[in-house]
Amino acid sequence: VVVALGAFGWGGALEALDGAGVAVPHPGPKFGHGVEVEM
């Protein structure tokens, strides 16, 4: 589980996960409180 604090943390988490080989959706999912994205 990755908990992203705010939209800036969310964007950084998606970018880092993508670079580590996680199947991140493109375009990336939008940030929201309580939003969950399983990858």
All heavy atoms as atom14 arrays in JSON, in Angstrom:
{
  "sequence": "VVVALGAFGWGGALEALDGAGVAVPHPGPKFGHGVEVEM",
  "atom14_mask": [
    [1, 1, 1, 1, 1, 1, 1, 0, 0, 0, 0, 0, 0, 0],
    [1, 1, 1, 1, 1, 1, 1, 0, 0, 0, 0, 0, 0, 0],
    [1, 1, 1, 1, 1, 1, 1, 0, 0, 0, 0, 0, 0, 0],
    [1, 1, 1, 1, 1, 0, 0, 0, 0, 0, 0, 0, 0, 0],
    [1, 1, 1, 1, 1, 1, 1, 1, 0, 0, 0, 0, 0, 0],
    [1, 1, 1, 1, 0, 0, 0, 0, 0, 0, 0, 0, 0, 0],
    [1, 1, 1, 1, 1, 0, 0, 0, 0, 0, 0, 0, 0, 0],
    [1, 1, 1, 1, 1, 1, 1, 1, 1, 1, 1, 0, 0, 0],
    [1, 1, 1, 1, 0, 0, 0, 0, 0, 0, 0, 0, 0, 0],
    [1, 1, 1, 1, 1, 1, 1, 1, 1, 1, 1, 1, 1, 1],
    [1, 1, 1, 1, 0, 0, 0, 0, 0, 0, 0, 0, 0, 0],
    [1, 1, 1, 1, 0, 0, 0, 0, 0, 0, 0, 0, 0, 0],
    [1, 1, 1, 1, 1, 0, 0, 0, 0, 0, 0, 0, 0, 0],
    [1, 1, 1, 1, 1, 1, 1, 1, 0, 0, 0, 0, 0, 0],
    [1, 1, 1, 1, 1, 1, 1, 1, 1, 0, 0, 0, 0, 0],
    [1, 1, 1, 1, 1, 0, 0, 0, 0, 0, 0, 0, 0, 0],
    [1, 1, 1, 1, 1, 1, 1, 1, 0, 0, 0, 0, 0, 0],
    [1, 1, 1, 1, 1, 1, 1, 1, 0, 0, 0, 0, 0, 0],
    [1, 1, 1, 1, 0, 0, 0, 0, 0, 0, 0, 0, 0, 0],
    [1, 1, 1, 1, 1, 0, 0, 0, 0, 0, 0, 0, 0, 0],
    [1, 1, 1, 1, 0, 0, 0, 0, 0, 0, 0, 0, 0, 0],
    [1, 1, 1, 1, 1, 1, 1, 0, 0, 0, 0, 0, 0, 0],
    [1, 1, 1, 1, 1, 0, 0, 0, 0, 0, 0, 0, 0, 0],
    [1, 1, 1, 1, 1, 1, 1, 0, 0, 0, 0, 0, 0, 0],
    [1, 1, 1, 1, 1, 1, 1, 0, 0, 0, 0, 0, 0, 0],
    [1, 1, 1, 1, 1, 1, 1, 1, 1, 1, 0, 0, 0, 0],
    [1, 1, 1, 1, 1, 1, 1, 0, 0, 0, 0, 0, 0, 0],
    [1, 1, 1, 1, 0, 0, 0, 0, 0, 0, 0, 0, 0, 0],
    [1, 1, 1, 1, 1, 1, 1, 0, 0, 0, 0, 0, 0, 0],
    [1, 1, 1, 1, 1, 1, 1, 1, 1, 0, 0, 0, 0, 0],
    [1, 1, 1, 1, 1, 1, 1, 1, 1, 1, 1, 0, 0, 0],
    [1, 1, 1, 1, 0, 0, 0, 0, 0, 0, 0, 0, 0, 0],
    [1, 1, 1, 1, 1, 1, 1, 1, 1, 1, 0, 0, 0, 0],
    [1, 1, 1, 1, 0, 0, 0, 0, 0, 0, 0, 0, 0, 0],
    [1, 1, 1, 1, 1, 1, 1, 0, 0, 0, 0, 0, 0, 0],
    [1, 1, 1, 1, 1, 1, 1, 1, 1, 0, 0, 0, 0, 0],
    [1, 1, 1, 1, 1, 1, 1, 0, 0, 0, 0, 0, 0, 0],
    [1, 1, 1, 1, 1, 1, 1, 1, 1, 0, 0, 0, 0, 0],
    [1, 1, 1, 1, 1, 1, 1, 1, 0, 0, 0, 0, 0, 0]
  ],
  "atom14_positions": [
    [[0.85, -1.19, 0.0], [0.0, 0.0, 0.0], [0.88, 1.24, 0.0], [1.87, 1.3, 0.75], [-0.92, 0.04, 1.24], [-1.85, 1.25, 1.16], [-1.72, -1.24, 1.36], [0.0, 0.0, 0.0], [0.0, 0.0, 0.0], [0.0, 0.0, 0.0], [0.0, 0.0, 0.0], [0.0, 0.0, 0.0], [0.0, 0.0, 0.0], [0.0, 0.0, 0.0]],
    [[0.55, 2.2, -0.84], [1.2, 3.5, -0.83], [0.15, 4.55, -0.5], [-0.86, 4.66, -1.21], [1.86, 3.82, -2.18], [2.5, 5.2, -2.17], [2.9, 2.76, -2.54], [0.0, 0.0, 0.0], [0.0, 0.0, 0.0], [0.0, 0.0, 0.0], [0.0, 0.0, 0.0], [0.0, 0.0, 0.0], [0.0, 0.0, 0.0], [0.0, 0.0, 0.0]],
    [[0.36, 5.3, 0.59], [-0.54, 6.38, 0.96], [0.09, 7.69, 0.5], [1.18, 8.05, 0.95], [-0.79, 6.42, 2.48], [-1.67, 7.61, 2.85], [-1.44, 5.12, 2.95], [0.0, 0.0, 0.0], [0.0, 0.0, 0.0], [0.0, 0.0, 0.0], [0.0, 0.0, 0.0], [0.0, 0.0, 0.0], [0.0, 0.0, 0.0], [0.0, 0.0, 0.0]],
    [[-0.59, 8.37, -0.41], [-0.08, 9.63, -0.97], [-0.76, 10.8, -0.28], [-1.99, 10.89, -0.27], [-0.32, 9.69, -2.47], [0.0, 0.0, 0.0], [0.0, 0.0, 0.0], [0.0, 0.0, 0.0], [0.0, 0.0, 0.0], [0.0, 0.0, 0.0], [0.0, 0.0, 0.0], [0.0, 0.0, 0.0], [0.0, 0.0, 0.0], [0.0, 0.0, 0.0]],
    [[0.05, 11.7, 0.29], [-0.47, 12.87, 0.99], [-0.53, 14.04, 0.01], [0.49, 14.61, -0.36], [0.42, 13.21, 2.18], [0.61, 12.1, 3.22], [1.55, 12.55, 4.32], [-0.73, 11.65, 3.79], [0.0, 0.0, 0.0], [0.0, 0.0, 0.0], [0.0, 0.0, 0.0], [0.0, 0.0, 0.0], [0.0, 0.0, 0.0], [0.0, 0.0, 0.0]],
    [[-1.73, 14.37, -0.42], [-1.93, 15.48, -1.33], [-1.62, 15.12, -2.77], [-1.06, 14.06, -3.08], [0.0, 0.0, 0.0], [0.0, 0.0, 0.0], [0.0, 0.0, 0.0], [0.0, 0.0, 0.0], [0.0, 0.0, 0.0], [0.0, 0.0, 0.0], [0.0, 0.0, 0.0], [0.0, 0.0, 0.0], [0.0, 0.0, 0.0], [0.0, 0.0, 0.0]],
    [[-1.99, 16.02, -3.68], [-1.82, 15.76, -5.1], [-0.35, 15.68, -5.5], [0.01, 14.91, -6.4], [-2.51, 16.86, -5.9], [0.0, 0.0, 0.0], [0.0, 0.0, 0.0], [0.0, 0.0, 0.0], [0.0, 0.0, 0.0], [0.0, 0.0, 0.0], [0.0, 0.0, 0.0], [0.0, 0.0, 0.0], [0.0, 0.0, 0.0], [0.0, 0.0, 0.0]],
    [[0.52, 16.44, -4.82], [1.94, 16.4, -5.16], [2.53, 15.04, -4.78], [3.29, 14.44, -5.55], [2.67, 17.52, -4.43], [4.06, 17.78, -4.95], [4.28, 18.6, -6.03], [5.15, 17.21, -4.32], [5.57, 18.84, -6.51], [6.44, 17.44, -4.79], [6.65, 18.26, -5.89], [0.0, 0.0, 0.0], [0.0, 0.0, 0.0], [0.0, 0.0, 0.0]],
    [[2.18, 14.54, -3.6], [2.63, 13.21, -3.21], [2.06, 12.13, -4.11], [2.75, 11.15, -4.45], [0.0, 0.0, 0.0], [0.0, 0.0, 0.0], [0.0, 0.0, 0.0], [0.0, 0.0, 0.0], [0.0, 0.0, 0.0], [0.0, 0.0, 0.0], [0.0, 0.0, 0.0], [0.0, 0.0, 0.0], [0.0, 0.0, 0.0], [0.0, 0.0, 0.0]],
    [[0.81, 12.3, -4.53], [0.15, 11.35, -5.43], [0.9, 11.26, -6.76], [1.2, 10.16, -7.25], [-1.28, 11.81, -5.65], [-2.16, 11.01, -6.55], [-2.33, 11.17, -7.89], [-3.04, 9.93, -6.17], [-3.25, 10.28, -8.37], [-3.71, 9.51, -7.34], [-3.34, 9.31, -4.96], [-4.66, 8.48, -7.33], [-4.28, 8.29, -4.95], [-4.92, 7.87, -6.12]],
    [[1.24, 12.41, -7.34], [1.96, 12.4, -8.6], [3.34, 11.77, -8.46], [3.77, 11.01, -9.34], [0.0, 0.0, 0.0], [0.0, 0.0, 0.0], [0.0, 0.0, 0.0], [0.0, 0.0, 0.0], [0.0, 0.0, 0.0], [0.0, 0.0, 0.0], [0.0, 0.0, 0.0], [0.0, 0.0, 0.0], [0.0, 0.0, 0.0], [0.0, 0.0, 0.0]],
    [[4.03, 12.06, -7.37], [5.34, 11.46, -7.15], [5.26, 9.96, -6.95], [6.13, 9.21, -7.43], [0.0, 0.0, 0.0], [0.0, 0.0, 0.0], [0.0, 0.0, 0.0], [0.0, 0.0, 0.0], [0.0, 0.0, 0.0], [0.0, 0.0, 0.0], [0.0, 0.0, 0.0], [0.0, 0.0, 0.0], [0.0, 0.0, 0.0], [0.0, 0.0, 0.0]],
    [[4.23, 9.51, -6.23], [4.07, 8.08, -6.01], [3.8, 7.35, -7.33], [4.39, 6.3, -7.61], [2.93, 7.83, -5.02], [0.0, 0.0, 0.0], [0.0, 0.0, 0.0], [0.0, 0.0, 0.0], [0.0, 0.0, 0.0], [0.0, 0.0, 0.0], [0.0, 0.0, 0.0], [0.0, 0.0, 0.0], [0.0, 0.0, 0.0], [0.0, 0.0, 0.0]],
    [[2.91, 7.9, -8.16], [2.62, 7.27, -9.44], [3.86, 7.2, -10.33], [4.14, 6.16, -10.95], [1.51, 8.05, -10.16], [0.09, 7.84, -9.66], [-0.84, 8.87, -10.29], [-0.4, 6.42, -9.95], [0.0, 0.0, 0.0], [0.0, 0.0, 0.0], [0.0, 0.0, 0.0], [0.0, 0.0, 0.0], [0.0, 0.0, 0.0], [0.0, 0.0, 0.0]],
    [[4.61, 8.28, -10.36], [5.82, 8.31, -11.19], [6.84, 7.28, -10.72], [7.43, 6.56, -11.53], [6.41, 9.72, -11.14], [7.59, 9.94, -12.05], [8.09, 11.37, -11.97], [8.92, 11.66, -11.08], [7.63, 12.2, -12.77], [0.0, 0.0, 0.0], [0.0, 0.0, 0.0], [0.0, 0.0, 0.0], [0.0, 0.0, 0.0], [0.0, 0.0, 0.0]],
    [[7.03, 7.2, -9.4], [8.01, 6.27, -8.86], [7.56, 4.83, -9.05], [8.37, 3.94, -9.38], [8.26, 6.57, -7.39], [0.0, 0.0, 0.0], [0.0, 0.0, 0.0], [0.0, 0.0, 0.0], [0.0, 0.0, 0.0], [0.0, 0.0, 0.0], [0.0, 0.0, 0.0], [0.0, 0.0, 0.0], [0.0, 0.0, 0.0], [0.0, 0.0, 0.0]],
    [[6.28, 4.56, -8.84], [5.77, 3.2, -9.04], [5.89, 2.78, -10.5], [6.26, 1.64, -10.81], [4.31, 3.13, -8.58], [4.08, 3.21, -7.07], [2.61, 3.45, -6.78], [4.57, 1.94, -6.37], [0.0, 0.0, 0.0], [0.0, 0.0, 0.0], [0.0, 0.0, 0.0], [0.0, 0.0, 0.0], [0.0, 0.0, 0.0], [0.0, 0.0, 0.0]],
    [[5.59, 3.7, -11.4], [5.71, 3.42, -12.83], [7.16, 3.05, -13.17], [7.42, 2.06, -13.86], [5.27, 4.66, -13.61], [5.03, 4.38, -15.08], [4.97, 3.19, -15.47], [4.91, 5.34, -15.84], [0.0, 0.0, 0.0], [0.0, 0.0, 0.0], [0.0, 0.0, 0.0], [0.0, 0.0, 0.0], [0.0, 0.0, 0.0], [0.0, 0.0, 0.0]],
    [[8.09, 3.83, -12.65], [9.5, 3.56, -12.92], [10.0, 2.26, -12.33], [10.99, 1.7, -12.81], [0.0, 0.0, 0.0], [0.0, 0.0, 0.0], [0.0, 0.0, 0.0], [0.0, 0.0, 0.0], [0.0, 0.0, 0.0], [0.0, 0.0, 0.0], [0.0, 0.0, 0.0], [0.0, 0.0, 0.0], [0.0, 0.0, 0.0], [0.0, 0.0, 0.0]],
    [[9.31, 1.77, -11.28], [9.71, 0.52, -10.63], [9.05, -0.7, -11.24], [9.21, -1.81, -10.73], [9.39, 0.59, -9.14], [0.0, 0.0, 0.0], [0.0, 0.0, 0.0], [0.0, 0.0, 0.0], [0.0, 0.0, 0.0], [0.0, 0.0, 0.0], [0.0, 0.0, 0.0], [0.0, 0.0, 0.0], [0.0, 0.0, 0.0], [0.0, 0.0, 0.0]],
    [[8.29, -0.51, -12.31], [7.69, -1.65, -12.99], [6.27, -1.97, -12.61], [5.74, -3.01, -13.02], [0.0, 0.0, 0.0], [0.0, 0.0, 0.0], [0.0, 0.0, 0.0], [0.0, 0.0, 0.0], [0.0, 0.0, 0.0], [0.0, 0.0, 0.0], [0.0, 0.0, 0.0], [0.0, 0.0, 0.0], [0.0, 0.0, 0.0], [0.0, 0.0, 0.0]],
    [[5.62, -1.1, -11.85], [4.21, -1.29, -11.52], [3.37, -0.84, -12.73], [3.69, 0.14, -13.4], [3.82, -0.49, -10.26], [2.32, -0.55, -10.0], [4.6, -1.02, -9.06], [0.0, 0.0, 0.0], [0.0, 0.0, 0.0], [0.0, 0.0, 0.0], [0.0, 0.0, 0.0], [0.0, 0.0, 0.0], [0.0, 0.0, 0.0], [0.0, 0.0, 0.0]],
    [[2.29, -1.57, -12.98], [1.43, -1.26, -14.14], [0.51, -0.09, -13.81], [-0.66, -0.25, -13.48], [0.61, -2.5, -14.53], [0.0, 0.0, 0.0], [0.0, 0.0, 0.0], [0.0, 0.0, 0.0], [0.0, 0.0, 0.0], [0.0, 0.0, 0.0], [0.0, 0.0, 0.0], [0.0, 0.0, 0.0], [0.0, 0.0, 0.0], [0.0, 0.0, 0.0]],
    [[1.06, 1.12, -13.91], [0.31, 2.35, -13.62], [-0.56, 2.7, -14.81], [-0.09, 2.71, -15.95], [1.28, 3.51, -13.3], [0.53, 4.83, -13.17], [2.07, 3.21, -12.03], [0.0, 0.0, 0.0], [0.0, 0.0, 0.0], [0.0, 0.0, 0.0], [0.0, 0.0, 0.0], [0.0, 0.0, 0.0], [0.0, 0.0, 0.0], [0.0, 0.0, 0.0]],
    [[-1.86, 2.99, -14.58], [-2.72, 3.37, -15.71], [-2.24, 4.66, -16.36], [-1.72, 5.56, -15.7], [-4.1, 3.59, -15.05], [-4.02, 2.9, -13.73], [-2.59, 2.96, -13.31], [0.0, 0.0, 0.0], [0.0, 0.0, 0.0], [0.0, 0.0, 0.0], [0.0, 0.0, 0.0], [0.0, 0.0, 0.0], [0.0, 0.0, 0.0], [0.0, 0.0, 0.0]],
    [[-2.43, 4.77, -17.65], [-2.11, 5.99, -18.4], [-3.31, 6.36, -19.25], [-3.79, 5.54, -20.02], [-0.87, 5.77, -19.28], [0.38, 5.56, -18.51], [1.1, 6.59, -17.94], [1.06, 4.42, -18.17], [2.17, 6.11, -17.32], [2.16, 4.79, -17.44], [0.0, 0.0, 0.0], [0.0, 0.0, 0.0], [0.0, 0.0, 0.0], [0.0, 0.0, 0.0]],
    [[-3.81, 7.59, -19.1], [-3.31, 8.64, -18.22], [-3.5, 8.27, -16.75], [-4.35, 7.45, -16.4], [-4.17, 9.86, -18.59], [-5.43, 9.28, -19.14], [-5.02, 8.02, -19.85], [0.0, 0.0, 0.0], [0.0, 0.0, 0.0], [0.0, 0.0, 0.0], [0.0, 0.0, 0.0], [0.0, 0.0, 0.0], [0.0, 0.0, 0.0], [0.0, 0.0, 0.0]],
    [[-2.69, 8.87, -15.89], [-2.71, 8.53, -14.48], [-4.02, 8.89, -13.81], [-4.68, 9.88, -14.19], [0.0, 0.0, 0.0], [0.0, 0.0, 0.0], [0.0, 0.0, 0.0], [0.0, 0.0, 0.0], [0.0, 0.0, 0.0], [0.0, 0.0, 0.0], [0.0, 0.0, 0.0], [0.0, 0.0, 0.0], [0.0, 0.0, 0.0], [0.0, 0.0, 0.0]],
    [[-4.44, 8.12, -12.82], [-5.67, 8.42, -12.09], [-5.55, 9.71, -11.3], [-4.46, 10.08, -10.85], [-5.82, 7.21, -11.16], [-4.44, 6.65, -11.03], [-3.76, 6.91, -12.33], [0.0, 0.0, 0.0], [0.0, 0.0, 0.0], [0.0, 0.0, 0.0], [0.0, 0.0, 0.0], [0.0, 0.0, 0.0], [0.0, 0.0, 0.0], [0.0, 0.0, 0.0]],
    [[-6.67, 10.41, -11.16], [-6.68, 11.7, -10.46], [-6.68, 11.48, -8.94], [-7.29, 10.56, -8.42], [-7.9, 12.52, -10.88], [-7.84, 13.0, -12.32], [-9.03, 13.9, -12.64], [-8.94, 14.42, -14.07], [-10.09, 15.31, -14.4], [0.0, 0.0, 0.0], [0.0, 0.0, 0.0], [0.0, 0.0, 0.0], [0.0, 0.0, 0.0], [0.0, 0.0, 0.0]],
    [[-6.01, 12.41, -8.25], [-5.97, 12.38, -6.8], [-7.32, 12.72, -6.19], [-8.06, 13.56, -6.7], [-4.93, 13.39, -6.29], [-5.02, 13.62, -4.8], [-4.51, 12.68, -3.92], [-5.63, 14.75, -4.28], [-4.59, 12.87, -2.54], [-5.72, 14.96, -2.92], [-5.2, 14.01, -2.04], [0.0, 0.0, 0.0], [0.0, 0.0, 0.0], [0.0, 0.0, 0.0]],
    [[-7.64, 12.09, -5.09], [-8.79, 12.43, -4.27], [-8.64, 11.77, -2.91], [-8.02, 10.71, -2.79], [0.0, 0.0, 0.0], [0.0, 0.0, 0.0], [0.0, 0.0, 0.0], [0.0, 0.0, 0.0], [0.0, 0.0, 0.0], [0.0, 0.0, 0.0], [0.0, 0.0, 0.0], [0.0, 0.0, 0.0], [0.0, 0.0, 0.0], [0.0, 0.0, 0.0]],
    [[-9.19, 12.39, -1.9], [-9.11, 11.78, -0.57], [-9.91, 10.48, -0.54], [-11.09, 10.45, -0.92], [-9.66, 12.73, 0.5], [-9.53, 12.16, 1.88], [-8.37, 12.26, 2.62], [-10.42, 11.47, 2.65], [-8.54, 11.64, 3.78], [-9.77, 11.16, 3.82], [0.0, 0.0, 0.0], [0.0, 0.0, 0.0], [0.0, 0.0, 0.0], [0.0, 0.0, 0.0]],
    [[-9.25, 9.41, -0.12], [-9.89, 8.12, -0.06], [-9.94, 7.36, -1.37], [-10.39, 6.21, -1.4], [0.0, 0.0, 0.0], [0.0, 0.0, 0.0], [0.0, 0.0, 0.0], [0.0, 0.0, 0.0], [0.0, 0.0, 0.0], [0.0, 0.0, 0.0], [0.0, 0.0, 0.0], [0.0, 0.0, 0.0], [0.0, 0.0, 0.0], [0.0, 0.0, 0.0]],
    [[-9.46, 7.97, -2.46], [-9.42, 7.27, -3.75], [-8.42, 6.11, -3.66], [-7.33, 6.26, -3.11], [-9.02, 8.23, -4.88], [-8.74, 7.47, -6.17], [-10.13, 9.26, -5.1], [0.0, 0.0, 0.0], [0.0, 0.0, 0.0], [0.0, 0.0, 0.0], [0.0, 0.0, 0.0], [0.0, 0.0, 0.0], [0.0, 0.0, 0.0], [0.0, 0.0, 0.0]],
    [[-8.8, 4.96, -4.19], [-7.93, 3.79, -4.21], [-7.71, 3.33, -5.65], [-8.66, 3.29, -6.43], [-8.54, 2.63, -3.42], [-8.68, 2.89, -1.94], [-9.23, 1.69, -1.19], [-9.23, 0.56, -1.75], [-9.66, 1.86, -0.03], [0.0, 0.0, 0.0], [0.0, 0.0, 0.0], [0.0, 0.0, 0.0], [0.0, 0.0, 0.0], [0.0, 0.0, 0.0]],
    [[-6.47, 3.01, -5.96], [-6.13, 2.48, -7.28], [-5.29, 1.23, -7.07], [-4.17, 1.32, -6.54], [-5.36, 3.5, -8.13], [-5.06, 2.91, -9.51], [-6.14, 4.8, -8.26], [0.0, 0.0, 0.0], [0.0, 0.0, 0.0], [0.0, 0.0, 0.0], [0.0, 0.0, 0.0], [0.0, 0.0, 0.0], [0.0, 0.0, 0.0], [0.0, 0.0, 0.0]],
    [[-5.81, 0.08, -7.45], [-5.04, -1.15, -7.34], [-4.3, -1.4, -8.64], [-4.88, -1.32, -9.72], [-5.92, -2.35, -7.01], [-5.11, -3.64, -6.81], [-5.96, -4.82, -6.39], [-6.9, -4.63, -5.59], [-5.66, -5.94, -6.86], [0.0, 0.0, 0.0], [0.0, 0.0, 0.0], [0.0, 0.0, 0.0], [0.0, 0.0, 0.0], [0.0, 0.0, 0.0]],
    [[-3.02, -1.69, -8.52], [-2.17, -1.9, -9.69], [-1.38, -3.19, -9.51], [-1.15, -3.65, -8.39], [-1.21, -0.72, -9.85], [-1.9, 0.6, -10.15], [-0.82, 2.05, -9.93], [-0.88, 2.25, -8.15], [0.0, 0.0, 0.0], [0.0, 0.0, 0.0], [0.0, 0.0, 0.0], [0.0, 0.0, 0.0], [0.0, 0.0, 0.0], [0.0, 0.0, 0.0]]
  ]
}
